[in-house]
Amino acid sequence: MRLVLKLIILSLCCFLQTACFRSLNFDEGIACFRAEEYRKAFIHLLPAAEGGQPDAQYAVGYMYYYGRGVVEDREKAWIWINRAAAAGQPDAKQAVLILNTHHKIVR
C-alpha cells in the first residue's frame, strides 16, 4: 500500500514539475518575442504551441509568416495561425480574416 502511495505522489510531482516547466518556457518565450529575440522565442514557444497553447500558436505562426527567427514559410504560418484562431485567439482570428481577404498565404 505504501508503495502505491509513493508511486502516486511521485507521478503527481512529475506532472506538476512538467506543468511548471511548460509555463516558465511559455513565459520566457513571450518575453523573448516582445524583446524581438525571435530565435529564442521560437525555441521556447514551439513546445507550448504543439501543446495547444493558442497565444504560442499565434506567435509561432507570426514568426513563420514574417521569417522572424525561422525561415519564412507561409504554409506553416497558415497552419499555426489557423489553429490559434480555431482555439479563439483574437489576434489570430483577425489575421485569418485579413489573410483570407487578401489571399496572402498559399494553401
Protein backbone atom coordinates (compact mmCIF):
# COMPACT_ATOMS: atom_id res chain seq x y z
CA MET A 1 0.00 0.00 0.00
CA ARG A 2 2.81 2.40 0.85
CA LEU A 3 4.49 1.65 -2.48
CA VAL A 4 1.31 2.56 -4.34
CA LEU A 5 1.02 5.80 -2.38
CA LYS A 6 4.66 6.66 -3.10
CA LEU A 7 4.14 5.98 -6.81
CA ILE A 8 1.06 8.21 -6.87
CA ILE A 9 2.94 11.02 -5.13
CA LEU A 10 5.92 10.61 -7.47
CA SER A 11 3.64 10.71 -10.51
CA LEU A 12 1.92 13.83 -9.22
CA CYS A 13 5.26 15.55 -8.59
CA CYS A 14 6.45 14.72 -12.12
CA PHE A 15 3.21 16.07 -13.58
CA LEU A 16 3.42 19.32 -11.60
CA GLN A 17 7.08 19.79 -12.47
CA THR A 18 6.31 19.36 -16.17
CA ALA A 19 3.42 21.83 -15.96
CA CYS A 20 5.62 24.41 -14.20
CA PHE A 21 8.39 23.95 -16.77
CA ARG A 22 5.94 24.48 -19.63
CA SER A 23 4.61 27.63 -18.01
CA LEU A 24 8.12 29.01 -17.46
CA ASN A 25 9.07 28.08 -21.01
CA PHE A 26 6.00 29.88 -22.36
CA ASP A 27 6.64 32.98 -20.23
CA GLU A 28 10.27 33.07 -21.34
CA GLY A 29 9.17 32.68 -24.95
CA ILE A 30 6.74 35.60 -24.71
CA ALA A 31 9.43 37.76 -23.08
CA CYS A 32 11.86 36.92 -25.89
CA PHE A 33 9.18 37.61 -28.50
CA ARG A 34 8.47 41.05 -27.02
CA ALA A 35 12.22 41.76 -26.93
CA GLU A 36 12.38 40.78 -30.62
CA GLU A 37 14.69 37.87 -29.83
CA TYR A 38 12.72 35.73 -32.22
CA ARG A 39 15.00 32.69 -32.47
CA LYS A 40 14.95 32.24 -28.69
CA ALA A 41 11.22 32.94 -28.63
CA PHE A 42 10.60 30.25 -31.25
CA ILE A 43 12.61 27.68 -29.29
CA HIS A 44 10.60 28.40 -26.14
CA LEU A 45 7.18 28.79 -27.75
CA LEU A 46 7.11 25.85 -30.15
CA PRO A 47 6.56 23.23 -27.40
CA ALA A 48 3.71 25.32 -25.97
CA ALA A 49 2.21 25.72 -29.44
CA GLU A 50 2.45 21.98 -30.03
CA GLY A 51 0.76 21.51 -26.66
CA GLY A 52 -2.22 23.58 -27.80
CA GLN A 53 -1.49 26.99 -26.22
CA PRO A 54 -3.29 29.48 -28.54
CA ASP A 55 -1.05 32.51 -27.86
CA ALA A 56 2.02 30.40 -28.57
CA GLN A 57 0.41 29.04 -31.73
CA TYR A 58 -0.26 32.56 -32.98
CA ALA A 59 3.28 33.72 -32.14
CA VAL A 60 4.79 30.72 -33.94
CA GLY A 61 2.57 31.42 -36.95
CA TYR A 62 3.60 35.07 -36.92
CA MET A 63 7.28 34.13 -36.85
CA TYR A 64 6.83 31.72 -39.75
CA TYR A 65 4.84 34.29 -41.74
CA TYR A 66 7.45 37.04 -41.42
CA GLY A 67 10.53 34.81 -41.20
CA ARG A 68 11.41 36.05 -37.72
CA GLY A 69 13.74 33.59 -36.01
CA VAL A 70 12.90 30.91 -38.57
CA VAL A 71 12.91 30.51 -42.32
CA GLU A 72 9.80 32.16 -43.78
CA ASP A 73 7.18 29.51 -44.51
CA ARG A 74 3.70 30.79 -45.33
CA GLU A 75 2.14 27.32 -45.31
CA LYS A 76 3.35 26.60 -41.77
CA ALA A 77 2.31 30.12 -40.79
CA TRP A 78 -1.22 29.44 -42.02
CA ILE A 79 -1.40 26.16 -40.09
CA TRP A 80 -0.36 27.74 -36.78
CA ILE A 81 -2.40 30.92 -37.17
CA ASN A 82 -5.46 28.89 -38.14
CA ARG A 83 -5.04 26.60 -35.11
CA ALA A 84 -4.79 29.62 -32.83
CA ALA A 85 -7.88 31.18 -34.41
CA ALA A 86 -9.82 27.93 -34.02
CA ALA A 87 -8.88 28.00 -30.32
CA GLY A 88 -10.28 31.52 -30.02
CA GLN A 89 -7.08 33.62 -30.02
CA PRO A 90 -8.37 37.10 -31.02
CA ASP A 91 -5.30 38.30 -32.98
CA ALA A 92 -5.22 35.03 -34.89
CA LYS A 93 -8.93 35.33 -35.74
CA GLN A 94 -8.29 38.79 -37.15
CA ALA A 95 -5.22 37.55 -39.06
CA VAL A 96 -7.25 34.73 -40.65
CA LEU A 97 -9.85 37.24 -41.85
CA ILE A 98 -7.18 39.50 -43.32
CA LEU A 99 -5.24 36.67 -44.92
CA ASN A 100 -8.40 35.16 -46.41
CA THR A 101 -9.44 38.54 -47.79
CA HIS A 102 -6.08 39.37 -49.31
CA HIS A 103 -5.01 35.81 -50.24
CA LYS A 104 -1.62 36.36 -48.67
CA ILE A 105 -0.97 32.71 -47.94
CA VAL A 106 -0.59 29.95 -50.48
CA ARG A 107 -2.69 26.98 -49.40
